């Protein structure tokens, strides 16, 4: 056996650093176009230009991929602000949320939630996870406000704060009405502030 003089053997192709974001992007696109059942790992792999093994090395199941991809989209589109006041935080979240639900992707996400969550428990789990994540962020927002000395009621409920706005989106989707626009963010944030502030 010949010595390799410290030269390390090559182990195939190097990892593509753009693979994960590309996979997530195409997973979201196919999920929103086709629904959970219509999105396949084969199709995501083909669209992203990777092998199925590349996807399964990162996500053990299609459900985990869908969950991660939608969560990534949701966090990118609706970040968790820290403006220094709860009024500022709410206004910023409402502006970006209303901007998002007025995009093609946002409308498709709401439509998919409405049509699939009651039909398919796997889809329902994905949307519950997204809501739970947003509820946890809202709970943190309330705690930051209290720590700053803002007069937030003890009864302020982060679950209801998230669910009431999500409910507006669902009702608008069910009835075919246009989504509220970012211009309405201040009015909607004021409704929430009246409910949670002393």
N, C-alpha and C. Protein backbone atom coordinates (compact mmCIF):
# COMPACT_ATOMS: atom_id res chain seq x y z
N UNK A 1 0.85 -1.19 0.00
CA UNK A 1 0.00 0.00 0.00
C UNK A 1 0.88 1.24 0.00
N UNK A 2 0.63 2.14 -0.93
CA UNK A 2 1.48 3.31 -1.05
C UNK A 2 1.02 4.40 -0.10
N UNK A 3 1.98 5.13 0.52
CA UNK A 3 1.59 6.23 1.40
C UNK A 3 0.92 7.34 0.61
N UNK A 4 0.01 8.05 1.30
CA UNK A 4 -0.67 9.15 0.59
C UNK A 4 -0.05 10.50 0.89
N UNK A 5 1.04 10.50 1.71
CA UNK A 5 1.78 11.73 2.01
C UNK A 5 0.86 12.85 2.49
N UNK A 6 -0.15 12.50 3.32
CA UNK A 6 -1.01 13.53 3.91
C UNK A 6 -2.10 14.05 3.01
N UNK A 7 -2.20 13.51 1.80
CA UNK A 7 -3.24 13.96 0.89
C UNK A 7 -4.54 13.23 1.25
N UNK A 8 -5.58 13.97 1.59
CA UNK A 8 -6.84 13.35 2.00
C UNK A 8 -7.60 12.90 0.75
N UNK A 9 -8.21 11.73 0.80
CA UNK A 9 -8.96 11.26 -0.35
C UNK A 9 -10.19 12.12 -0.58
N UNK A 10 -10.57 12.27 -1.84
CA UNK A 10 -11.77 13.04 -2.18
C UNK A 10 -12.99 12.22 -1.85
N UNK A 11 -14.04 12.88 -1.40
CA UNK A 11 -15.27 12.18 -1.02
C UNK A 11 -16.43 12.63 -1.88
N UNK A 12 -16.30 12.55 -3.17
CA UNK A 12 -17.41 12.92 -4.04
C UNK A 12 -17.53 14.42 -4.19
N UNK A 13 -18.71 14.83 -4.69
CA UNK A 13 -18.92 16.26 -4.94
C UNK A 13 -19.04 17.04 -3.64
N UNK A 14 -18.52 18.27 -3.60
CA UNK A 14 -18.70 19.08 -2.40
C UNK A 14 -20.17 19.47 -2.23
N UNK A 15 -20.56 19.74 -0.99
CA UNK A 15 -21.94 20.14 -0.72
C UNK A 15 -22.24 21.48 -1.36
N UNK A 16 -23.44 21.57 -1.90
CA UNK A 16 -23.89 22.81 -2.53
C UNK A 16 -24.52 23.69 -1.45
N UNK A 17 -23.88 24.83 -1.11
CA UNK A 17 -24.42 25.66 -0.02
C UNK A 17 -25.78 26.28 -0.35
N UNK A 18 -26.11 26.33 -1.64
CA UNK A 18 -27.40 26.91 -2.05
C UNK A 18 -28.50 25.87 -2.12
N UNK A 19 -28.16 24.60 -1.88
CA UNK A 19 -29.15 23.53 -2.06
C UNK A 19 -30.34 23.69 -1.11
N UNK A 20 -30.07 23.92 0.19
CA UNK A 20 -31.18 23.97 1.15
C UNK A 20 -32.17 25.09 0.86
N UNK A 21 -31.71 26.34 0.67
CA UNK A 21 -32.69 27.38 0.36
C UNK A 21 -33.42 27.12 -0.95
N UNK A 22 -32.72 26.52 -1.92
CA UNK A 22 -33.37 26.23 -3.20
C UNK A 22 -34.44 25.15 -3.02
N UNK A 23 -34.13 24.13 -2.25
CA UNK A 23 -35.10 23.06 -1.98
C UNK A 23 -36.32 23.63 -1.27
N UNK A 24 -36.08 24.46 -0.24
CA UNK A 24 -37.21 25.07 0.48
C UNK A 24 -38.08 25.90 -0.46
N UNK A 25 -37.43 26.68 -1.32
CA UNK A 25 -38.16 27.56 -2.23
C UNK A 25 -39.07 26.75 -3.16
N UNK A 26 -38.54 25.68 -3.73
CA UNK A 26 -39.36 24.87 -4.64
C UNK A 26 -40.40 24.05 -3.88
N UNK A 27 -40.08 23.64 -2.67
CA UNK A 27 -41.07 22.91 -1.86
C UNK A 27 -42.27 23.80 -1.59
N UNK A 28 -42.02 25.06 -1.21
CA UNK A 28 -43.12 26.01 -0.97
C UNK A 28 -43.91 26.22 -2.25
N UNK A 29 -43.22 26.44 -3.35
CA UNK A 29 -43.90 26.71 -4.62
C UNK A 29 -44.83 25.56 -4.99
N UNK A 30 -44.32 24.33 -4.91
CA UNK A 30 -45.13 23.17 -5.29
C UNK A 30 -46.25 22.92 -4.27
N UNK A 31 -45.96 23.15 -3.00
CA UNK A 31 -46.98 22.98 -1.97
C UNK A 31 -48.14 23.94 -2.18
N UNK A 32 -47.83 25.20 -2.46
CA UNK A 32 -48.87 26.19 -2.64
C UNK A 32 -49.63 25.98 -3.96
N UNK A 33 -48.96 25.44 -4.96
CA UNK A 33 -49.62 25.18 -6.24
C UNK A 33 -50.50 23.94 -6.20
N UNK A 34 -50.02 22.88 -5.51
CA UNK A 34 -50.65 21.56 -5.63
C UNK A 34 -51.28 21.03 -4.35
N UNK A 35 -50.98 21.64 -3.21
CA UNK A 35 -51.41 21.07 -1.94
C UNK A 35 -50.42 20.02 -1.47
N UNK A 36 -50.65 19.54 -0.23
CA UNK A 36 -49.69 18.61 0.37
C UNK A 36 -49.62 17.29 -0.40
N UNK A 37 -50.78 16.74 -0.77
CA UNK A 37 -50.78 15.47 -1.49
C UNK A 37 -50.11 15.59 -2.85
N UNK A 38 -50.30 16.72 -3.52
CA UNK A 38 -49.76 16.90 -4.87
C UNK A 38 -48.29 17.23 -4.92
N UNK A 39 -47.72 17.66 -3.78
CA UNK A 39 -46.29 17.93 -3.72
C UNK A 39 -45.55 16.63 -3.44
N UNK A 40 -44.62 16.25 -4.32
CA UNK A 40 -43.84 15.04 -4.08
C UNK A 40 -42.37 15.40 -3.92
N UNK A 41 -41.66 14.57 -3.18
CA UNK A 41 -40.23 14.77 -3.01
C UNK A 41 -39.52 14.64 -4.35
N UNK A 42 -40.01 13.73 -5.20
CA UNK A 42 -39.43 13.59 -6.54
C UNK A 42 -39.50 14.91 -7.31
N UNK A 43 -40.68 15.54 -7.28
CA UNK A 43 -40.85 16.79 -8.02
C UNK A 43 -40.02 17.93 -7.43
N UNK A 44 -39.94 17.98 -6.10
CA UNK A 44 -39.11 19.01 -5.46
C UNK A 44 -37.65 18.80 -5.85
N UNK A 45 -37.19 17.55 -5.81
CA UNK A 45 -35.80 17.26 -6.17
C UNK A 45 -35.51 17.67 -7.61
N UNK A 46 -36.43 17.34 -8.51
CA UNK A 46 -36.22 17.69 -9.93
C UNK A 46 -36.19 19.21 -10.11
N UNK A 47 -37.14 19.91 -9.48
CA UNK A 47 -37.20 21.37 -9.63
C UNK A 47 -35.97 22.04 -9.04
N UNK A 48 -35.47 21.51 -7.92
CA UNK A 48 -34.32 22.11 -7.25
C UNK A 48 -32.99 21.66 -7.85
N UNK A 49 -33.02 20.67 -8.75
CA UNK A 49 -31.80 20.18 -9.37
C UNK A 49 -30.92 19.39 -8.42
N UNK A 50 -31.55 18.62 -7.52
CA UNK A 50 -30.79 17.78 -6.58
C UNK A 50 -31.37 16.37 -6.62
N UNK A 51 -30.66 15.43 -6.02
CA UNK A 51 -31.17 14.07 -5.90
C UNK A 51 -32.08 13.94 -4.70
N UNK A 52 -32.95 12.93 -4.71
CA UNK A 52 -33.84 12.69 -3.56
C UNK A 52 -33.03 12.47 -2.29
N UNK A 53 -31.86 11.81 -2.43
CA UNK A 53 -31.04 11.53 -1.25
C UNK A 53 -30.60 12.84 -0.57
N UNK A 54 -30.36 13.87 -1.37
CA UNK A 54 -29.98 15.17 -0.80
C UNK A 54 -31.09 15.72 0.08
N UNK A 55 -32.33 15.55 -0.36
CA UNK A 55 -33.47 16.02 0.43
C UNK A 55 -33.63 15.18 1.69
N UNK A 56 -33.57 13.85 1.55
CA UNK A 56 -33.79 12.99 2.72
C UNK A 56 -32.65 13.04 3.72
N UNK A 57 -31.47 13.49 3.30
CA UNK A 57 -30.39 13.71 4.28
C UNK A 57 -30.72 14.87 5.21
N UNK A 58 -31.52 15.82 4.70
CA UNK A 58 -31.84 17.01 5.49
C UNK A 58 -33.21 16.91 6.16
N UNK A 59 -34.15 16.27 5.51
CA UNK A 59 -35.52 16.14 6.04
C UNK A 59 -35.94 14.67 5.93
N UNK A 60 -36.33 14.08 7.04
CA UNK A 60 -36.63 12.65 7.06
C UNK A 60 -37.95 12.30 6.37
N UNK A 61 -38.81 13.29 6.15
CA UNK A 61 -40.11 13.01 5.52
C UNK A 61 -40.58 14.23 4.73
N UNK A 62 -41.54 13.98 3.86
CA UNK A 62 -42.14 15.08 3.10
C UNK A 62 -42.81 16.08 4.04
N UNK A 63 -43.44 15.57 5.10
CA UNK A 63 -44.13 16.45 6.05
C UNK A 63 -43.14 17.41 6.72
N UNK A 64 -41.97 16.88 7.12
CA UNK A 64 -40.97 17.75 7.75
C UNK A 64 -40.45 18.80 6.77
N UNK A 65 -40.27 18.39 5.52
CA UNK A 65 -39.84 19.35 4.49
C UNK A 65 -40.88 20.44 4.31
N UNK A 66 -42.15 20.06 4.17
CA UNK A 66 -43.22 21.04 3.99
C UNK A 66 -43.30 21.98 5.17
N UNK A 67 -43.22 21.42 6.37
CA UNK A 67 -43.29 22.23 7.59
C UNK A 67 -42.15 23.24 7.64
N UNK A 68 -40.93 22.77 7.38
CA UNK A 68 -39.75 23.63 7.44
C UNK A 68 -39.80 24.71 6.37
N UNK A 69 -40.23 24.32 5.16
CA UNK A 69 -40.27 25.27 4.05
C UNK A 69 -41.29 26.38 4.31
N UNK A 70 -42.48 26.01 4.79
CA UNK A 70 -43.50 27.03 5.08
C UNK A 70 -43.08 27.90 6.26
N UNK A 71 -42.49 27.30 7.28
CA UNK A 71 -42.03 28.08 8.43
C UNK A 71 -40.97 29.08 8.00
N UNK A 72 -40.07 28.65 7.12
CA UNK A 72 -39.02 29.54 6.62
C UNK A 72 -39.64 30.71 5.85
N UNK A 73 -40.61 30.40 4.98
CA UNK A 73 -41.31 31.45 4.23
C UNK A 73 -42.00 32.42 5.18
N UNK A 74 -42.69 31.88 6.18
CA UNK A 74 -43.45 32.69 7.13
C UNK A 74 -42.52 33.62 7.91
N UNK A 75 -41.38 33.08 8.36
CA UNK A 75 -40.43 33.91 9.12
C UNK A 75 -39.79 34.98 8.24
N UNK A 76 -39.51 34.63 6.98
CA UNK A 76 -38.93 35.63 6.07
C UNK A 76 -39.93 36.75 5.79
N UNK A 77 -41.19 36.38 5.60
CA UNK A 77 -42.20 37.36 5.22
C UNK A 77 -42.71 38.15 6.42
N UNK A 78 -42.79 37.52 7.59
CA UNK A 78 -43.36 38.17 8.77
C UNK A 78 -42.38 38.02 9.93
N UNK A 79 -41.33 38.83 9.98
CA UNK A 79 -40.32 38.70 11.04
C UNK A 79 -40.87 39.17 12.39
N UNK A 80 -40.11 38.87 13.44
CA UNK A 80 -40.49 39.25 14.80
C UNK A 80 -39.77 40.55 15.16
N UNK A 81 -40.48 41.70 15.15
CA UNK A 81 -39.80 42.97 15.36
C UNK A 81 -39.58 43.27 16.84
N UNK A 82 -38.65 44.16 17.11
CA UNK A 82 -38.44 44.68 18.47
C UNK A 82 -38.16 46.17 18.32
N UNK A 83 -39.23 46.95 18.23
CA UNK A 83 -39.10 48.38 17.92
C UNK A 83 -38.90 49.25 19.15
N UNK A 84 -39.09 48.66 20.35
CA UNK A 84 -38.98 49.46 21.57
C UNK A 84 -40.31 49.78 22.20
N UNK A 85 -41.41 49.46 21.52
CA UNK A 85 -42.75 49.64 22.12
C UNK A 85 -43.67 48.58 21.54
N UNK A 86 -44.66 48.17 22.33
CA UNK A 86 -45.57 47.15 21.84
C UNK A 86 -46.43 47.70 20.70
N UNK A 87 -46.75 48.98 20.75
CA UNK A 87 -47.52 49.58 19.65
C UNK A 87 -46.72 49.52 18.35
N UNK A 88 -45.44 49.83 18.43
CA UNK A 88 -44.59 49.77 17.25
C UNK A 88 -44.41 48.35 16.74
N UNK A 89 -44.25 47.40 17.67
CA UNK A 89 -44.09 46.00 17.28
C UNK A 89 -45.33 45.50 16.54
N UNK A 90 -46.51 45.77 17.13
CA UNK A 90 -47.76 45.32 16.50
C UNK A 90 -47.96 45.96 15.14
N UNK A 91 -47.72 47.24 15.06
CA UNK A 91 -47.93 47.94 13.79
C UNK A 91 -47.02 47.36 12.71
N UNK A 92 -45.76 47.08 13.06
CA UNK A 92 -44.85 46.53 12.06
C UNK A 92 -45.28 45.12 11.63
N UNK A 93 -45.65 44.27 12.60
CA UNK A 93 -46.10 42.92 12.26
C UNK A 93 -47.34 42.98 11.38
N UNK A 94 -48.29 43.85 11.74
CA UNK A 94 -49.53 43.93 10.96
C UNK A 94 -49.26 44.44 9.55
N UNK A 95 -48.38 45.40 9.42
CA UNK A 95 -48.07 45.91 8.07
C UNK A 95 -47.49 44.82 7.18
N UNK A 96 -46.50 44.06 7.72
CA UNK A 96 -45.88 43.04 6.88
C UNK A 96 -46.82 41.86 6.66
N UNK A 97 -47.63 41.52 7.67
CA UNK A 97 -48.59 40.42 7.50
C UNK A 97 -49.62 40.77 6.44
N UNK A 98 -50.12 42.00 6.48
CA UNK A 98 -51.13 42.42 5.50
C UNK A 98 -50.52 42.53 4.10
N UNK A 99 -49.26 42.96 4.04
CA UNK A 99 -48.59 42.98 2.73
C UNK A 99 -48.46 41.56 2.19
N UNK A 100 -48.11 40.61 3.07
CA UNK A 100 -47.91 39.22 2.65
C UNK A 100 -49.20 38.58 2.15
N UNK A 101 -50.31 38.77 2.89
CA UNK A 101 -51.56 38.11 2.47
C UNK A 101 -52.14 38.74 1.21
N UNK A 102 -51.59 39.86 0.77
CA UNK A 102 -52.01 40.45 -0.49
C UNK A 102 -51.09 40.08 -1.66
N UNK A 103 -50.12 39.19 -1.41
CA UNK A 103 -49.28 38.66 -2.50
C UNK A 103 -49.89 37.35 -2.99
N UNK A 104 -49.46 36.90 -4.17
CA UNK A 104 -49.92 35.62 -4.69
C UNK A 104 -49.58 34.49 -3.72
N UNK A 105 -48.35 34.51 -3.17
CA UNK A 105 -47.95 33.46 -2.24
C UNK A 105 -48.79 33.49 -0.97
N UNK A 106 -49.02 34.68 -0.45
CA UNK A 106 -49.80 34.81 0.77
C UNK A 106 -51.22 34.32 0.60
N UNK A 107 -51.87 34.74 -0.51
CA UNK A 107 -53.24 34.30 -0.77
C UNK A 107 -53.29 32.78 -0.95
N UNK A 108 -52.28 32.23 -1.65
CA UNK A 108 -52.25 30.78 -1.85
C UNK A 108 -52.08 30.05 -0.52
N UNK A 109 -51.27 30.61 0.38
CA UNK A 109 -51.05 29.99 1.68
C UNK A 109 -52.34 29.96 2.49
N UNK A 110 -53.10 31.06 2.48
CA UNK A 110 -54.37 31.09 3.21
C UNK A 110 -55.37 30.12 2.57
N UNK A 111 -55.45 30.13 1.25
CA UNK A 111 -56.38 29.21 0.56
C UNK A 111 -56.04 27.76 0.87
N UNK A 112 -54.75 27.45 0.87
CA UNK A 112 -54.32 26.09 1.16
C UNK A 112 -54.69 25.70 2.59
N UNK A 113 -54.49 26.61 3.53
CA UNK A 113 -54.85 26.33 4.92
C UNK A 113 -56.34 26.05 5.03
N UNK A 114 -57.16 26.88 4.38
CA UNK A 114 -58.61 26.73 4.45
C UNK A 114 -59.05 25.41 3.81
N UNK A 115 -58.49 25.09 2.66
CA UNK A 115 -58.98 23.93 1.91
C UNK A 115 -58.43 22.61 2.44
N UNK A 116 -57.20 22.61 2.96
CA UNK A 116 -56.57 21.34 3.30
C UNK A 116 -56.53 21.01 4.78
N UNK A 117 -56.55 22.02 5.65
CA UNK A 117 -56.36 21.74 7.08
C UNK A 117 -57.49 20.88 7.64
N UNK A 118 -58.72 21.06 7.15
CA UNK A 118 -59.83 20.23 7.63
C UNK A 118 -59.86 18.86 6.96
N UNK A 119 -59.21 18.75 5.82
CA UNK A 119 -59.25 17.50 5.06
C UNK A 119 -58.11 16.56 5.42
N UNK A 120 -56.97 17.14 5.79
CA UNK A 120 -55.75 16.36 5.93
C UNK A 120 -55.05 16.73 7.23
N UNK A 121 -54.96 15.78 8.15
CA UNK A 121 -54.36 16.05 9.46
C UNK A 121 -52.90 16.48 9.34
N UNK A 122 -52.19 15.97 8.32
CA UNK A 122 -50.79 16.38 8.15
C UNK A 122 -50.70 17.87 7.82
N UNK A 123 -51.60 18.34 6.96
CA UNK A 123 -51.63 19.77 6.64
C UNK A 123 -52.03 20.59 7.87
N UNK A 124 -53.01 20.09 8.61
CA UNK A 124 -53.44 20.80 9.82
C UNK A 124 -52.29 20.96 10.80
N UNK A 125 -51.47 19.90 10.92
CA UNK A 125 -50.32 19.95 11.84
C UNK A 125 -49.32 21.03 11.42
N UNK A 126 -49.11 21.14 10.10
CA UNK A 126 -48.18 22.14 9.59
C UNK A 126 -48.66 23.54 9.97
N UNK A 127 -49.95 23.81 9.76
CA UNK A 127 -50.46 25.14 10.08
C UNK A 127 -50.53 25.40 11.58
N UNK A 128 -50.81 24.36 12.36
CA UNK A 128 -50.76 24.53 13.82
C UNK A 128 -49.35 24.91 14.27
N UNK A 129 -48.35 24.28 13.67
CA UNK A 129 -46.96 24.60 14.03
C UNK A 129 -46.63 26.05 13.71
N UNK A 130 -47.09 26.53 12.54
CA UNK A 130 -46.84 27.93 12.18
C UNK A 130 -47.51 28.87 13.17
N UNK A 131 -48.77 28.56 13.54
CA UNK A 131 -49.49 29.41 14.50
C UNK A 131 -48.82 29.37 15.87
N UNK A 132 -48.39 28.18 16.29
CA UNK A 132 -47.73 28.07 17.61
C UNK A 132 -46.44 28.89 17.64
N UNK A 133 -45.72 28.89 16.53
CA UNK A 133 -44.49 29.68 16.44
C UNK A 133 -44.81 31.17 16.57
N UNK A 134 -45.84 31.63 15.87
CA UNK A 134 -46.23 33.04 15.94
C UNK A 134 -46.76 33.39 17.33
N UNK A 135 -47.48 32.46 17.96
CA UNK A 135 -47.97 32.69 19.33
C UNK A 135 -46.80 32.84 20.29
N UNK A 136 -45.78 32.00 20.15
CA UNK A 136 -44.59 32.11 21.01
C UNK A 136 -43.91 33.46 20.82
N UNK A 137 -43.81 33.92 19.58
CA UNK A 137 -43.21 35.24 19.33
C UNK A 137 -44.07 36.35 19.94
N UNK A 138 -45.38 36.22 19.86
CA UNK A 138 -46.27 37.23 20.44
C UNK A 138 -46.16 37.23 21.96
N UNK A 139 -46.02 36.05 22.54
CA UNK A 139 -45.81 35.96 24.00
C UNK A 139 -44.52 36.70 24.38
N UNK A 140 -43.48 36.52 23.60
CA UNK A 140 -42.22 37.22 23.86
C UNK A 140 -42.40 38.73 23.74
N UNK A 141 -43.19 39.17 22.74
CA UNK A 141 -43.46 40.59 22.56
C UNK A 141 -44.14 41.18 23.79
N UNK A 142 -45.11 40.45 24.33
CA UNK A 142 -45.81 40.91 25.54
C UNK A 142 -44.86 40.99 26.73
N UNK A 143 -44.00 39.97 26.86
CA UNK A 143 -43.06 39.97 27.99
C UNK A 143 -42.05 41.12 27.87
N UNK A 144 -41.59 41.40 26.67
CA UNK A 144 -40.67 42.54 26.49
C UNK A 144 -41.36 43.84 26.87
N UNK A 145 -42.62 43.97 26.47
CA UNK A 145 -43.36 45.20 26.80
C UNK A 145 -43.52 45.35 28.31
N UNK A 146 -43.85 44.26 28.98
CA UNK A 146 -43.99 44.32 30.45
C UNK A 146 -42.66 44.68 31.10
N UNK A 147 -41.58 44.09 30.59
CA UNK A 147 -40.25 44.37 31.15
C UNK A 147 -39.87 45.83 30.97
N UNK A 148 -40.38 46.48 29.91
CA UNK A 148 -40.12 47.91 29.70
C UNK A 148 -41.03 48.79 30.56
N UNK A 149 -41.99 48.17 31.24
CA UNK A 149 -42.91 48.92 32.09
C UNK A 149 -44.18 49.37 31.37
N UNK A 150 -44.44 48.84 30.18
CA UNK A 150 -45.67 49.21 29.49
C UNK A 150 -46.87 48.53 30.18
N UNK A 151 -48.00 49.23 30.23
CA UNK A 151 -49.15 48.72 31.00
C UNK A 151 -49.96 47.66 30.25
N UNK A 152 -49.34 46.50 30.05
CA UNK A 152 -50.02 45.39 29.39
C UNK A 152 -50.86 44.64 30.42
N UNK A 153 -52.10 44.38 30.10
CA UNK A 153 -52.99 43.66 31.02
C UNK A 153 -52.45 42.26 31.30
N UNK A 154 -52.70 41.79 32.53
CA UNK A 154 -52.34 40.42 32.87
C UNK A 154 -53.14 39.42 32.03
N UNK A 155 -54.31 39.85 31.58
CA UNK A 155 -55.18 38.95 30.81
C UNK A 155 -54.87 38.95 29.31
N UNK A 156 -53.89 39.74 28.87
CA UNK A 156 -53.54 39.76 27.45
C UNK A 156 -53.15 38.36 27.00
N UNK A 157 -53.84 37.86 25.99
CA UNK A 157 -53.70 36.46 25.58
C UNK A 157 -53.04 36.38 24.20
N UNK A 158 -51.79 35.88 24.14
CA UNK A 158 -51.12 35.82 22.84
C UNK A 158 -51.82 34.89 21.85
N UNK A 159 -52.51 33.88 22.35
CA UNK A 159 -53.24 32.97 21.45
C UNK A 159 -54.34 33.73 20.72
N UNK A 160 -55.15 34.47 21.48
CA UNK A 160 -56.24 35.23 20.86
C UNK A 160 -55.70 36.34 19.96
N UNK A 161 -54.57 36.94 20.35
CA UNK A 161 -54.00 38.00 19.53
C UNK A 161 -53.64 37.49 18.13
N UNK A 162 -53.10 36.28 18.07
CA UNK A 162 -52.74 35.69 16.78
C UNK A 162 -53.98 35.19 16.05
N UNK A 163 -54.85 34.51 16.79
CA UNK A 163 -55.99 33.86 16.14
C UNK A 163 -57.01 34.84 15.59
N UNK A 164 -57.13 36.03 16.21
CA UNK A 164 -58.17 36.93 15.69
C UNK A 164 -57.78 37.46 14.32
N UNK A 165 -56.50 37.80 14.12
CA UNK A 165 -56.09 38.30 12.81
C UNK A 165 -56.09 37.17 11.79
N UNK A 166 -55.62 35.97 12.20
CA UNK A 166 -55.67 34.82 11.30
C UNK A 166 -57.12 34.53 10.91
N UNK A 167 -58.05 34.72 11.86
CA UNK A 167 -59.47 34.52 11.58
C UNK A 167 -59.99 35.48 10.53
N UNK A 168 -59.53 36.72 10.58
CA UNK A 168 -59.92 37.69 9.55
C UNK A 168 -59.49 37.19 8.17
N UNK A 169 -58.27 36.69 8.09
CA UNK A 169 -57.76 36.20 6.80
C UNK A 169 -58.59 35.01 6.31
N UNK A 170 -58.91 34.10 7.21
CA UNK A 170 -59.67 32.90 6.83
C UNK A 170 -61.07 33.28 6.36
N UNK A 171 -61.74 34.16 7.10
CA UNK A 171 -63.09 34.59 6.72
C UNK A 171 -63.06 35.27 5.36
N UNK A 172 -62.09 36.13 5.13
CA UNK A 172 -61.99 36.81 3.83
C UNK A 172 -61.76 35.78 2.71
N UNK A 173 -60.93 34.77 2.97
CA UNK A 173 -60.68 33.74 1.95
C UNK A 173 -61.95 32.93 1.69
N UNK A 174 -62.69 32.59 2.75
CA UNK A 174 -63.90 31.78 2.59
C UNK A 174 -65.00 32.52 1.84
N UNK A 175 -65.08 33.82 2.06
CA UNK A 175 -66.18 34.59 1.47
C UNK A 175 -65.77 35.28 0.17
N UNK A 176 -64.51 35.11 -0.24
CA UNK A 176 -64.06 35.71 -1.49
C UNK A 176 -63.88 37.21 -1.43
N UNK A 177 -63.79 37.75 -0.22
CA UNK A 177 -63.58 39.19 -0.05
C UNK A 177 -62.09 39.51 -0.14
N UNK A 178 -61.74 40.73 -0.58
CA UNK A 178 -60.31 41.08 -0.62
C UNK A 178 -59.73 41.13 0.79
N UNK A 179 -58.47 40.79 0.89
CA UNK A 179 -57.78 40.86 2.17
C UNK A 179 -57.62 42.32 2.59
N UNK A 180 -57.60 42.58 3.91
CA UNK A 180 -57.28 43.94 4.34
C UNK A 180 -55.88 44.31 3.85
N UNK A 181 -55.67 45.59 3.58
CA UNK A 181 -54.40 46.04 2.99
C UNK A 181 -53.50 46.63 4.08
N UNK A 182 -52.21 46.81 3.77
CA UNK A 182 -51.31 47.42 4.74
C UNK A 182 -51.78 48.79 5.23
N UNK A 183 -52.58 49.50 4.42
CA UNK A 183 -53.12 50.79 4.86
C UNK A 183 -54.03 50.66 6.07
N UNK A 184 -54.55 49.45 6.29
CA UNK A 184 -55.45 49.22 7.42
C UNK A 184 -54.73 48.72 8.66
N UNK A 185 -53.40 48.60 8.59
CA UNK A 185 -52.63 48.04 9.70
C UNK A 185 -52.81 48.84 10.98
N UNK A 186 -52.80 50.17 10.87
CA UNK A 186 -52.90 51.00 12.08
C UNK A 186 -54.24 50.78 12.78
N UNK A 187 -55.31 50.71 12.00
CA UNK A 187 -56.64 50.52 12.58
C UNK A 187 -56.75 49.15 13.26
N UNK A 188 -56.22 48.11 12.61
CA UNK A 188 -56.31 46.77 13.18
C UNK A 188 -55.41 46.63 14.41
N UNK A 189 -54.23 47.23 14.37
CA UNK A 189 -53.35 47.20 15.54
C UNK A 189 -53.99 47.92 16.71
N UNK A 190 -54.72 48.99 16.43
CA UNK A 190 -55.40 49.74 17.49
C UNK A 190 -56.46 48.88 18.17
N UNK A 191 -57.16 48.07 17.40
CA UNK A 191 -58.14 47.14 17.99
C UNK A 191 -57.46 46.22 19.00
N UNK A 192 -56.31 45.68 18.62
CA UNK A 192 -55.58 44.79 19.52
C UNK A 192 -55.08 45.54 20.73
N UNK A 193 -54.54 46.74 20.55
CA UNK A 193 -54.01 47.50 21.68
C UNK A 193 -55.10 47.84 22.69
N UNK A 194 -56.29 48.16 22.21
CA UNK A 194 -57.39 48.47 23.15
C UNK A 194 -57.73 47.24 24.01
N UNK A 195 -57.55 46.06 23.45
CA UNK A 195 -57.89 44.83 24.17
C UNK A 195 -56.82 44.42 25.19
N UNK A 196 -55.56 44.81 24.96
CA UNK A 196 -54.49 44.26 25.81
C UNK A 196 -53.84 45.28 26.74
N UNK A 197 -54.14 46.58 26.55
CA UNK A 197 -53.46 47.60 27.36
C UNK A 197 -54.41 48.16 28.42
N UNK A 198 -53.86 48.44 29.61
CA UNK A 198 -54.64 49.11 30.66
C UNK A 198 -54.77 50.58 30.34
